Amino acid sequence: MKKIAITSIAPGHKNFDTQLTAVKSWIDLGLTVLSMNHPNEIAELKSKFKNVEFIPTIRTNEGIFKKPYVVVSAILDYLKTREEDKFLLINSDIIIFDSWKMEEEIYKNADKGIVVMNRYNFDEGRMRYGVKYDSGFDAFLIHKKFLNIFPQTI
């Protein structure tokens, strides 16, 4: 069964090029990359992200944030319709370096609970070293059996 990474690529992201690098890093790991976006964003993004499958949604927080940020519930509800059983929900600008070959171990643990991951911030010149960011989480490996534990968001 294929491994899925799902995100919402932002066309106006201040680090747009980082998103290109991040998505490439996921593809290089063998992940199938999906991006859920408002239909108005997809044509522009498809021209730059050729190996990404785009899923349209109108479930966004545009009324609150003035941009069509996809609500997490839209992503989780979509994942419930997929045949795969594990999904990497990840911020669009997170580059994955799996130099320790931890991916398989992380996927095994997703059967037991949700795997929550911190990022490391790094400077461009120090691509493989950085400072752990403890003030939030940027990736979640979720088994399908846990998708219903999250309340719906607006």
C-alpha atoms as a PDB file:
ATOM      1  CA  MET A   1       0.000   0.000   0.000  1.00  0.00           C
ATOM      2  CA  LYS A   2       1.330   3.436  -0.830  1.00  0.00           C
ATOM      3  CA  LYS A   3       2.409   5.898   1.824  1.00  0.00           C
ATOM      4  CA  ILE A   4       0.536   9.195   1.765  1.00  0.00           C
ATOM      5  CA  ALA A   5       1.747  12.653   2.762  1.00  0.00           C
ATOM      6  CA  ILE A   6      -1.019  15.241   2.810  1.00  0.00           C
ATOM      7  CA  THR A   7      -0.648  18.989   3.186  1.00  0.00           C
ATOM      8  CA  SER A   8      -2.037  22.237   1.893  1.00  0.00           C
ATOM      9  CA  ILE A   9       0.530  23.999  -0.254  1.00  0.00           C
ATOM     10  CA  ALA A  10       0.206  27.777   0.028  1.00  0.00           C
ATOM     11  CA  PRO A  11       0.629  29.704  -3.229  1.00  0.00           C
ATOM     12  CA  GLY A  12       1.534  32.929  -1.393  1.00  0.00           C
ATOM     13  CA  HIS A  13       3.797  31.373   1.239  1.00  0.00           C
ATOM     14  CA  LYS A  14       6.734  33.590   2.205  1.00  0.00           C
ATOM     15  CA  ASN A  15       8.984  30.531   1.859  1.00  0.00           C
ATOM     16  CA  PHE A  16       7.489  29.255  -1.385  1.00  0.00           C
ATOM     17  CA  ASP A  17      10.777  27.751  -2.584  1.00  0.00           C
ATOM     18  CA  THR A  18      11.063  25.855   0.704  1.00  0.00           C
ATOM     19  CA  GLN A  19       7.742  24.206  -0.101  1.00  0.00           C
ATOM     20  CA  LEU A  20       9.186  23.028  -3.434  1.00  0.00           C
ATOM     21  CA  THR A  21      12.187  21.532  -1.615  1.00  0.00           C
ATOM     22  CA  ALA A  22       9.981  20.007   1.088  1.00  0.00           C
ATOM     23  CA  VAL A  23       7.621  18.291  -1.339  1.00  0.00           C
ATOM     24  CA  LYS A  24      10.572  16.953  -3.314  1.00  0.00           C
ATOM     25  CA  SER A  25      12.043  15.497  -0.096  1.00  0.00           C
ATOM     26  CA  TRP A  26       8.789  13.612   0.554  1.00  0.00           C
ATOM     27  CA  ILE A  27       8.635  12.293  -2.988  1.00  0.00           C
ATOM     28  CA  ASP A  28      12.281  11.217  -2.715  1.00  0.00           C
ATOM     29  CA  LEU A  29      11.268   9.124   0.326  1.00  0.00           C
ATOM     30  CA  GLY A  30       8.651   7.373  -1.806  1.00  0.00           C
ATOM     31  CA  LEU A  31       5.609   9.178  -0.443  1.00  0.00           C
ATOM     32  CA  THR A  32       2.589   9.962  -2.597  1.00  0.00           C
ATOM     33  CA  VAL A  33       1.943  13.660  -2.031  1.00  0.00           C
ATOM     34  CA  LEU A  34      -1.553  15.130  -1.825  1.00  0.00           C
ATOM     35  CA  SER A  35      -2.400  18.778  -1.316  1.00  0.00           C
ATOM     36  CA  MET A  36      -5.858  19.984  -0.373  1.00  0.00           C
ATOM     37  CA  ASN A  37      -6.560  23.479  -1.662  1.00  0.00           C
ATOM     38  CA  HIS A  38      -9.316  25.873  -2.591  1.00  0.00           C
ATOM     39  CA  PRO A  39     -10.164  25.371  -6.309  1.00  0.00           C
ATOM     40  CA  ASN A  40      -8.931  28.908  -7.137  1.00  0.00           C
ATOM     41  CA  GLU A  41      -5.383  27.948  -6.057  1.00  0.00           C
ATOM     42  CA  ILE A  42      -4.986  24.633  -7.831  1.00  0.00           C
ATOM     43  CA  ALA A  43      -4.202  25.715 -11.409  1.00  0.00           C
ATOM     44  CA  GLU A  44      -1.316  27.922 -10.261  1.00  0.00           C
ATOM     45  CA  LEU A  45       0.087  25.251  -7.963  1.00  0.00           C
ATOM     46  CA  LYS A  46      -0.182  22.406 -10.505  1.00  0.00           C
ATOM     47  CA  SER A  47       2.236  24.200 -12.820  1.00  0.00           C
ATOM     48  CA  LYS A  48       4.934  24.211 -10.126  1.00  0.00           C
ATOM     49  CA  PHE A  49       4.186  20.947  -8.300  1.00  0.00           C
ATOM     50  CA  LYS A  50       3.921  18.413 -11.108  1.00  0.00           C
ATOM     51  CA  ASN A  51       4.058  15.267  -8.941  1.00  0.00           C
ATOM     52  CA  VAL A  52       1.373  16.322  -6.467  1.00  0.00           C
ATOM     53  CA  GLU A  53      -2.261  15.251  -6.561  1.00  0.00           C
ATOM     54  CA  PHE A  54      -4.486  18.230  -5.719  1.00  0.00           C
ATOM     55  CA  ILE A  55      -7.788  17.751  -3.924  1.00  0.00           C
ATOM     56  CA  PRO A  56     -10.202  20.684  -4.176  1.00  0.00           C
ATOM     57  CA  THR A  57     -12.173  21.898  -1.170  1.00  0.00           C
ATOM     58  CA  ILE A  58     -14.201  24.944  -0.281  1.00  0.00           C
ATOM     59  CA  ARG A  59     -13.885  24.185   3.438  1.00  0.00           C
ATOM     60  CA  THR A  60     -11.542  27.006   4.380  1.00  0.00           C
ATOM     61  CA  ASN A  61     -11.177  29.730   7.008  1.00  0.00           C
ATOM     62  CA  GLU A  62     -11.109  32.525   4.439  1.00  0.00           C
ATOM     63  CA  GLY A  63     -13.816  34.432   6.326  1.00  0.00           C
ATOM     64  CA  ILE A  64     -11.565  34.598   9.384  1.00  0.00           C
ATOM     65  CA  PHE A  65      -8.045  34.890   7.918  1.00  0.00           C
ATOM     66  CA  LYS A  66      -8.765  36.547   4.532  1.00  0.00           C
ATOM     67  CA  LYS A  67      -6.972  33.656   2.810  1.00  0.00           C
ATOM     68  CA  PRO A  68      -8.432  30.232   1.956  1.00  0.00           C
ATOM     69  CA  TYR A  69      -6.611  28.215   4.616  1.00  0.00           C
ATOM     70  CA  VAL A  70      -8.009  24.683   4.542  1.00  0.00           C
ATOM     71  CA  VAL A  71      -9.570  23.539   7.812  1.00  0.00           C
ATOM     72  CA  VAL A  72      -8.020  20.417   9.303  1.00  0.00           C
ATOM     73  CA  SER A  73     -11.419  18.700   9.461  1.00  0.00           C
ATOM     74  CA  ALA A  74     -11.655  18.846   5.664  1.00  0.00           C
ATOM     75  CA  ILE A  75      -8.368  16.978   5.395  1.00  0.00           C
ATOM     76  CA  LEU A  76      -9.292  14.398   8.037  1.00  0.00           C
ATOM     77  CA  ASP A  77     -12.724  13.807   6.482  1.00  0.00           C
ATOM     78  CA  TYR A  78     -11.080  13.272   3.102  1.00  0.00           C
ATOM     79  CA  LEU A  79      -8.582  10.790   4.576  1.00  0.00           C
ATOM     80  CA  LYS A  80     -11.473   8.727   5.941  1.00  0.00           C
ATOM     81  CA  THR A  81     -12.457   8.020   2.316  1.00  0.00           C
ATOM     82  CA  ARG A  82      -9.016   6.704   1.325  1.00  0.00           C
ATOM     83  CA  GLU A  83      -8.109   3.015   1.215  1.00  0.00           C
ATOM     84  CA  GLU A  84      -4.707   3.512   2.886  1.00  0.00           C
ATOM     85  CA  ASP A  85      -4.524   3.139   6.655  1.00  0.00           C
ATOM     86  CA  LYS A  86      -1.732   5.574   7.622  1.00  0.00           C
ATOM     87  CA  PHE A  87      -1.278   9.200   6.661  1.00  0.00           C
ATOM     88  CA  LEU A  88       1.433  11.775   7.217  1.00  0.00           C
ATOM     89  CA  LEU A  89      -0.272  15.121   7.788  1.00  0.00           C
ATOM     90  CA  ILE A  90       2.532  17.653   7.386  1.00  0.00           C
ATOM     91  CA  ASN A  91       3.065  21.385   7.029  1.00  0.00           C
ATOM     92  CA  SER A  92       3.979  22.267   3.467  1.00  0.00           C
ATOM     93  CA  ASP A  93       7.408  23.733   4.291  1.00  0.00           C
ATOM     94  CA  ILE A  94       8.837  20.819   6.291  1.00  0.00           C
ATOM     95  CA  ILE A  95      11.826  19.183   4.631  1.00  0.00           C
ATOM     96  CA  ILE A  96      12.413  15.587   5.679  1.00  0.00           C
ATOM     97  CA  PHE A  97      15.959  14.302   6.067  1.00  0.00           C
ATOM     98  CA  ASP A  98      15.745  10.651   7.040  1.00  0.00           C
ATOM     99  CA  SER A  99      19.463  10.104   7.469  1.00  0.00           C
ATOM    100  CA  TRP A 100      18.806   7.855  10.468  1.00  0.00           C
ATOM    101  CA  LYS A 101      16.374   5.721   8.442  1.00  0.00           C
ATOM    102  CA  MET A 102      13.673   6.193  11.075  1.00  0.00           C
ATOM    103  CA  GLU A 103      10.739   6.254   8.671  1.00  0.00           C
ATOM    104  CA  GLU A 104       9.922   2.522   8.911  1.00  0.00           C
ATOM    105  CA  GLU A 105      10.035   2.578  12.725  1.00  0.00           C
ATOM    106  CA  ILE A 106       7.759   5.621  12.818  1.00  0.00           C
ATOM    107  CA  TYR A 107       5.248   3.934  10.507  1.00  0.00           C
ATOM    108  CA  LYS A 108       5.192   0.844  12.752  1.00  0.00           C
ATOM    109  CA  ASN A 109       4.350   3.000  15.780  1.00  0.00           C
ATOM    110  CA  ALA A 110       1.379   4.630  14.059  1.00  0.00           C
ATOM    111  CA  ASP A 111      -0.658   1.497  14.805  1.00  0.00           C
ATOM    112  CA  LYS A 112      -0.381   2.269  18.535  1.00  0.00           C
ATOM    113  CA  GLY A 113      -1.233   5.966  18.490  1.00  0.00           C
ATOM    114  CA  ILE A 114      -0.702   9.244  16.738  1.00  0.00           C
ATOM    115  CA  VAL A 115       2.959  10.036  16.099  1.00  0.00           C
ATOM    116  CA  VAL A 116       3.530  13.760  16.692  1.00  0.00           C
ATOM    117  CA  MET A 117       6.712  15.337  15.327  1.00  0.00           C
ATOM    118  CA  ASN A 118       8.663  18.522  16.018  1.00  0.00           C
ATOM    119  CA  ARG A 119      10.739  20.263  13.415  1.00  0.00           C
ATOM    120  CA  TYR A 120      14.265  21.574  13.528  1.00  0.00           C
ATOM    121  CA  ASN A 121      14.903  25.110  12.306  1.00  0.00           C
ATOM    122  CA  PHE A 122      18.083  25.502  10.320  1.00  0.00           C
ATOM    123  CA  ASP A 123      20.004  28.028   8.294  1.00  0.00           C
ATOM    124  CA  GLU A 124      20.498  27.365   4.610  1.00  0.00           C
ATOM    125  CA  GLY A 125      24.220  26.780   5.103  1.00  0.00           C
ATOM    126  CA  ARG A 126      23.577  24.169   7.806  1.00  0.00           C
ATOM    127  CA  MET A 127      20.941  22.049   6.083  1.00  0.00           C
ATOM    128  CA  ARG A 128      21.389  18.948   8.258  1.00  0.00           C
ATOM    129  CA  TYR A 129      21.807  20.596  11.658  1.00  0.00           C
ATOM    130  CA  GLY A 130      19.447  22.849  13.474  1.00  0.00           C
ATOM    131  CA  VAL A 131      17.651  23.863  16.617  1.00  0.00           C
ATOM    132  CA  LYS A 132      14.617  21.884  17.751  1.00  0.00           C
ATOM    133  CA  TYR A 133      11.409  23.923  17.633  1.00  0.00           C
ATOM    134  CA  ASP A 134       9.424  23.088  20.787  1.00  0.00           C
ATOM    135  CA  SER A 135       6.580  25.607  20.427  1.00  0.00           C
ATOM    136  CA  GLY A 136       4.465  23.579  18.038  1.00  0.00           C
ATOM    137  CA  PHE A 137       4.186  20.496  15.897  1.00  0.00           C
ATOM    138  CA  ASP A 138       4.554  20.249  12.138  1.00  0.00           C
ATOM    139  CA  ALA A 139       3.832  16.642  11.256  1.00  0.00           C
ATOM    140  CA  PHE A 140       1.496  13.927  12.460  1.00  0.00           C
ATOM    141  CA  LEU A 141       1.444  10.307  11.390  1.00  0.00           C
ATOM    142  CA  ILE A 142      -2.124   9.160  11.916  1.00  0.00           C
ATOM    143  CA  HIS A 143      -3.591   5.703  11.559  1.00  0.00           C
ATOM    144  CA  LYS A 144      -7.049   5.671   9.999  1.00  0.00           C
ATOM    145  CA  LYS A 145      -8.573   4.188  13.151  1.00  0.00           C
ATOM    146  CA  PHE A 146      -7.773   7.440  15.003  1.00  0.00           C
ATOM    147  CA  LEU A 147      -9.291   9.871  12.493  1.00  0.00           C
ATOM    148  CA  ASN A 148     -12.647  10.001  14.296  1.00  0.00           C
ATOM    149  CA  ILE A 149     -11.247  11.193  17.624  1.00  0.00           C
ATOM    150  CA  PHE A 150     -10.862  14.769  16.395  1.00  0.00           C
ATOM    151  CA  PRO A 151     -13.814  17.151  16.717  1.00  0.00           C
ATOM    152  CA  GLN A 152     -14.974  18.999  13.627  1.00  0.00           C
ATOM    153  CA  THR A 153     -13.473  22.445  13.155  1.00  0.00           C
ATOM    154  CA  ILE A 154     -15.150  25.377  11.497  1.00  0.00           C
END
